Protein backbone atom coordinates (compact mmCIF):
# COMPACT_ATOMS: atom_id res chain seq x y z
CA PRO A 1 153.28 169.52 106.19
CA THR A 2 154.88 166.28 105.08
CA LEU A 3 154.46 165.28 101.44
CA SER A 4 151.99 162.58 102.45
CA GLU A 5 149.86 165.10 104.35
CA LEU A 6 149.97 167.52 101.43
CA ILE A 7 148.93 164.92 98.86
CA ILE A 8 146.17 163.49 101.07
CA ALA A 9 144.72 166.97 101.72
CA ALA A 10 144.95 167.93 98.03
CA GLU A 11 143.34 164.71 96.84
CA ALA A 12 140.51 165.07 99.37
CA HIS A 13 139.82 168.66 98.25
CA PHE A 14 140.01 168.12 94.48
CA ASP A 15 138.18 164.81 94.62
CA LYS A 16 135.18 166.60 96.10
CA GLU A 17 135.33 169.34 93.49
CA GLN A 18 135.78 166.83 90.67
CA ARG A 19 132.72 164.85 91.75
CA ILE A 20 130.63 168.01 92.13
CA ARG A 21 131.50 169.17 88.61
CA ARG A 22 131.34 165.74 86.92
CA PRO A 23 129.11 166.04 83.80
CA ALA A 24 126.18 163.66 83.50
CA GLY A 25 127.16 160.35 82.00
CA PHE A 26 130.84 160.57 82.96
CA ALA A 27 132.42 157.91 85.13
CA ASP A 28 132.68 158.67 88.85
CA GLN A 29 136.47 158.58 89.04
CA ALA A 30 138.47 159.40 92.17
CA TYR A 31 141.02 162.20 91.95
CA LYS A 32 144.59 160.92 92.31
CA CYS A 33 147.90 162.78 92.29
CA GLN A 34 150.75 161.07 90.45
CA SER A 35 153.44 163.76 90.74
CA ALA A 36 153.89 167.39 91.74
CA GLN A 37 156.05 170.42 91.09
CA VAL A 38 156.78 173.42 93.30
CA TYR A 39 157.80 176.96 92.35
CA ASP A 40 161.36 177.53 93.55
CA ASP A 41 162.02 181.08 94.76
CA VAL A 42 165.76 180.88 94.06
CA LEU A 43 165.73 179.32 90.60
CA LEU A 44 162.52 181.24 89.78
CA ARG A 45 161.02 178.28 87.93
CA TRP A 46 158.99 175.14 88.56
CA VAL A 47 160.93 172.11 89.83
CA ASP A 48 159.90 168.56 90.72
CA LEU A 49 158.74 168.13 94.31
CA PHE A 50 160.65 165.35 96.06
CA SER A 51 160.87 166.50 99.69
CA ALA A 52 158.88 168.47 102.25
CA ALA A 53 162.03 170.60 102.68
CA GLN A 54 161.19 172.20 99.31
CA LEU A 55 157.90 173.53 100.65
CA ARG A 56 157.67 177.13 101.84
CA ASN A 57 154.92 178.97 103.66
CA GLY A 58 152.76 180.54 100.97
CA GLY A 59 154.42 178.53 98.20
CA GLN A 60 152.72 177.09 95.13
CA VAL A 61 152.43 173.45 94.14
CA TRP A 62 151.24 172.09 90.79
CA LEU A 63 149.67 168.62 90.84
CA PHE A 64 149.59 166.11 87.98
CA GLN A 65 147.04 163.31 87.65
CA PRO A 66 147.80 159.88 86.16
CA GLU A 67 147.17 159.57 82.43
CA SER A 68 143.54 158.68 81.69
CA TYR A 69 141.28 158.33 78.68
CA GLN A 70 139.10 161.04 80.22
CA HIS A 71 141.85 163.63 80.28
CA SER A 72 145.30 163.93 78.78
CA GLU A 73 148.38 165.48 80.40
CA LEU A 74 149.82 166.70 77.11
CA PRO A 75 153.40 168.05 77.12
CA GLY A 76 153.55 171.77 77.67
CA SER A 77 154.77 174.57 79.89
CA ILE A 78 153.43 175.24 83.36
CA PRO A 79 152.11 178.82 83.41
CA PRO A 80 154.01 181.46 85.41
CA ALA A 81 153.56 181.33 89.17
CA LYS A 82 150.60 183.44 90.25
CA TYR A 83 149.40 184.54 93.64
CA SER A 84 145.71 184.84 92.81
CA PRO A 85 143.80 182.10 94.65
CA GLU A 86 141.47 179.93 92.61
CA SER A 87 137.78 180.48 93.21
CA TRP A 88 135.42 177.52 92.85
CA LEU A 89 132.41 179.81 92.66
CA GLY A 90 130.66 180.59 89.42
CA SER A 91 131.87 179.15 86.15
CA PRO A 92 133.46 175.69 85.99
CA ALA A 93 136.30 177.52 84.27
CA ARG A 94 137.28 178.55 87.81
CA ALA A 95 137.35 182.34 87.65
CA ARG A 96 140.31 183.94 89.35
CA ALA A 97 139.96 186.34 92.26
CA VAL A 98 142.74 188.91 91.99
CA THR A 99 144.02 189.90 95.44
CA GLU A 100 147.19 191.77 94.49
CA ALA A 101 145.80 194.58 92.39
CA GLY A 102 148.44 196.44 90.43
CA ILE A 103 151.13 193.75 90.73
CA ARG A 104 151.01 191.57 87.63
CA ASP A 105 154.65 190.45 87.44
CA PRO A 106 154.84 186.88 88.85
CA VAL A 107 158.46 187.38 89.92
CA ALA A 108 157.64 190.59 91.82
CA SER A 109 154.64 188.88 93.37
CA GLU A 110 156.85 185.96 94.43
CA LYS A 111 159.35 188.31 96.05
CA LEU A 112 156.83 190.31 98.06
CA ARG A 113 155.16 187.15 99.38
CA SER A 114 158.47 185.51 100.18
CA VAL A 115 159.69 188.52 102.17
CA PHE A 116 156.38 188.89 104.02
CA TYR A 117 156.30 185.25 105.11
CA ASN A 118 159.92 185.47 106.25
CA ILE A 119 158.82 188.23 108.63
CA ASP A 120 155.45 186.70 109.52
CA THR A 121 156.89 183.56 111.13
CA ALA A 122 153.65 182.96 113.06
CA GLY A 123 151.60 182.77 109.87
CA ALA A 124 149.14 185.39 111.15
CA ARG A 125 149.14 187.35 107.84
CA ALA A 126 149.99 190.43 109.86
CA VAL A 127 153.23 191.76 111.35
CA SER A 128 153.91 194.54 113.82
CA TYR A 129 155.66 197.64 112.57
CA ASP A 130 158.27 197.10 115.28
CA ALA A 131 159.06 193.64 113.87
CA LEU A 132 159.16 195.12 110.37
CA LYS A 133 161.59 197.81 111.48
CA ASP A 134 163.83 195.23 113.16
CA TYR A 135 163.80 193.13 109.99
CA PHE A 136 164.83 196.14 107.90
CA LEU A 137 167.70 197.00 110.25
CA LYS A 138 168.80 193.36 110.38
CA TYR A 139 169.56 193.55 106.65
CA ASP A 140 171.08 197.06 106.78
CA ILE A 141 168.13 198.87 105.22
CA PRO A 142 167.45 202.15 107.07
CA TRP A 143 164.00 202.65 108.56
CA THR A 144 163.66 206.27 107.43
CA ARG A 145 161.16 208.38 105.53
CA ALA A 146 163.41 208.26 102.50
CA TYR A 147 162.98 204.49 102.34
CA VAL A 148 159.47 203.87 103.71
CA GLY A 149 157.65 207.21 103.41
CA ASP A 150 154.69 207.71 105.74
CA TYR A 151 154.99 204.11 106.92
CA TYR A 152 157.79 205.45 109.15
CA ASP A 153 155.28 206.86 111.68
CA ARG A 154 152.81 203.97 111.69
CA THR A 155 152.25 201.72 114.68
CA GLY A 156 150.29 198.58 115.38
CA LEU A 157 150.04 195.84 112.77
CA MET A 158 150.68 195.77 109.04
CA SER A 159 148.29 193.41 107.27
CA TYR A 160 149.20 191.51 104.12
CA ALA A 161 147.04 193.93 102.10
CA ASP A 162 149.06 196.84 103.55
CA TRP A 163 152.27 195.00 102.63
CA VAL A 164 151.09 194.60 99.02
CA SER A 165 150.42 198.34 98.89
CA PHE A 166 153.86 199.03 100.37
CA ALA A 167 155.50 196.76 97.78
CA GLY A 168 153.73 198.63 95.00
CA LEU A 169 155.13 201.94 96.28
CA TYR A 170 158.64 200.72 97.19
CA PRO A 171 159.49 197.72 94.96
CA SER A 172 163.24 198.36 95.23
CA VAL A 173 163.08 197.99 99.03
CA VAL A 174 161.27 194.65 98.73
CA ASP A 175 163.79 193.59 96.11
CA SER A 176 166.67 194.42 98.47
CA LEU A 177 165.08 192.49 101.35
CA TYR A 178 164.46 189.49 99.10
CA TYR A 179 168.09 189.20 97.98
CA ARG A 180 169.74 190.23 101.24
CA TYR A 181 167.88 187.47 103.06
CA ARG A 182 169.69 185.11 100.68
CA GLY A 183 173.06 186.71 101.34
CA LEU A 184 173.09 188.64 98.05
CA TYR A 185 173.72 192.34 98.63
CA THR A 186 173.41 193.09 94.93
CA ASP A 187 171.91 196.53 95.48
CA ARG A 188 175.07 197.97 97.04
CA PRO A 189 177.20 200.29 94.86
CA SER A 190 180.36 198.27 95.60
CA TYR A 191 178.95 195.27 93.75
CA THR A 192 180.02 194.88 90.13
CA SER A 193 177.81 193.17 87.60
CA ALA A 194 180.30 190.31 87.36
CA LEU A 195 180.17 189.76 91.13
CA VAL A 196 176.38 189.88 91.10
CA ASP A 197 176.20 187.30 88.30
CA ALA A 198 178.72 185.07 90.09
CA GLU A 199 176.79 185.13 93.37
CA LEU A 200 173.47 184.48 91.67
CA ALA A 201 174.99 181.59 89.74
CA ALA A 202 176.48 180.16 92.96
CA SER A 203 173.12 180.45 94.76
CA ARG A 204 171.30 178.69 91.95
CA ALA A 205 173.96 175.99 91.64
CA LYS A 206 173.60 175.33 95.37
CA ARG A 207 169.83 174.98 95.02
CA GLU A 208 170.22 172.64 92.03
CA ALA A 209 172.55 170.47 94.15
CA GLU A 210 169.97 170.43 96.97
CA ILE A 211 167.25 169.31 94.56
CA ARG A 212 169.48 166.52 93.22
CA GLY A 213 170.03 165.42 96.82
CA TYR A 214 166.26 165.38 97.44
CA TYR A 215 165.81 163.31 94.27
CA SER A 216 168.45 160.80 95.37
CA SER A 217 166.80 160.40 98.77
CA TYR A 218 163.38 160.09 97.13
CA THR A 219 164.47 157.39 94.67
CA ALA A 220 166.33 155.44 97.38
CA GLU A 221 163.27 155.48 99.67
CA ARG A 222 160.98 154.51 96.81
CA ALA A 223 163.26 151.59 95.86
CA ARG A 224 163.27 150.44 99.50
CA LEU A 225 159.48 150.55 99.73
CA ASP A 226 159.10 148.72 96.40
CA ALA A 227 161.49 145.99 97.53
CA GLU A 228 159.65 145.65 100.85
CA TYR A 229 156.31 145.41 99.05
CA ARG A 230 157.59 142.74 96.64
CA ALA A 231 159.02 140.71 99.53
CA ARG A 232 155.73 140.81 101.44
CA GLN A 233 153.75 139.98 98.31
CA ALA A 234 156.02 137.01 97.61
CA ALA A 235 155.53 135.75 101.18
CA VAL A 236 151.75 136.04 100.83
CA ASP A 237 151.80 134.21 97.48
CA ALA A 238 153.96 131.45 98.94
CA ALA A 239 151.59 130.98 101.88
CA LEU A 240 148.52 130.88 99.64
CA ALA A 241 150.10 128.33 97.29
CA TYR A 242 149.93 125.56 99.92
CA ARG A 243 146.72 126.49 101.72
CA PRO A 244 143.75 124.13 101.42
CA TYR A 245 141.09 125.40 99.03
CA SER A 246 143.69 127.59 97.32
CA PRO A 247 143.53 127.34 93.51
CA ARG A 248 147.15 126.19 93.58
CA TYR A 249 146.81 123.67 96.42
CA GLY A 250 147.51 120.18 95.13
CA TYR A 251 148.06 121.53 91.64
CA MET A 252 149.27 118.86 89.23
CA THR A 253 150.20 118.84 85.58
CA TYR A 254 149.38 116.04 83.18
């Protein structure tokens, strides 16, 4: 989606939930998003969201409301990225429904989801074993029993739940797919630690440069829109100043 579509959909959803859970006596205040951050799968941290190009299928976005006397956005750290969807059922504390049993590491969870959605280009939350095999071979990972165990003989479709189970059994394979998709063959014996560090640093520097470019485009577009708004507002004010029955029509000082 575009950023506008994302923000509109998020505000519509959380506005409804906010009104439902509003305590008695509290003002009926609309939910508004002032800024957002997205979890970057290369830098492995939260970064400001400036462009739709930063969004990924299955990614996570953190929304911030404008400062208000009813709530305070105090400085602090955004919690680690999690892949447990929020449940609005039950307690207002929003109990979490854990869907990836046994995988508690946010980084490992990020990797397995990232790899799965790279394969599942249709967004069906299921991939054929033939497509999975082709993806393995594409990145020079053998499709053999030594690497995938009894998954070697399976046919049909692998669901996301099956993929989570696979990742729990073969985390090193998922790790290899995650980095090889990014051009980092760090799991090969020929790679030295210095070369691995250099390639990771280069990958992250490239992503930082991309984010700075998104920020520059964002600020330039925002400045253009602000200037356009001020020009239109000035034209409206000028027209109203000389309109009959306007408070400023025929204004005189004594």
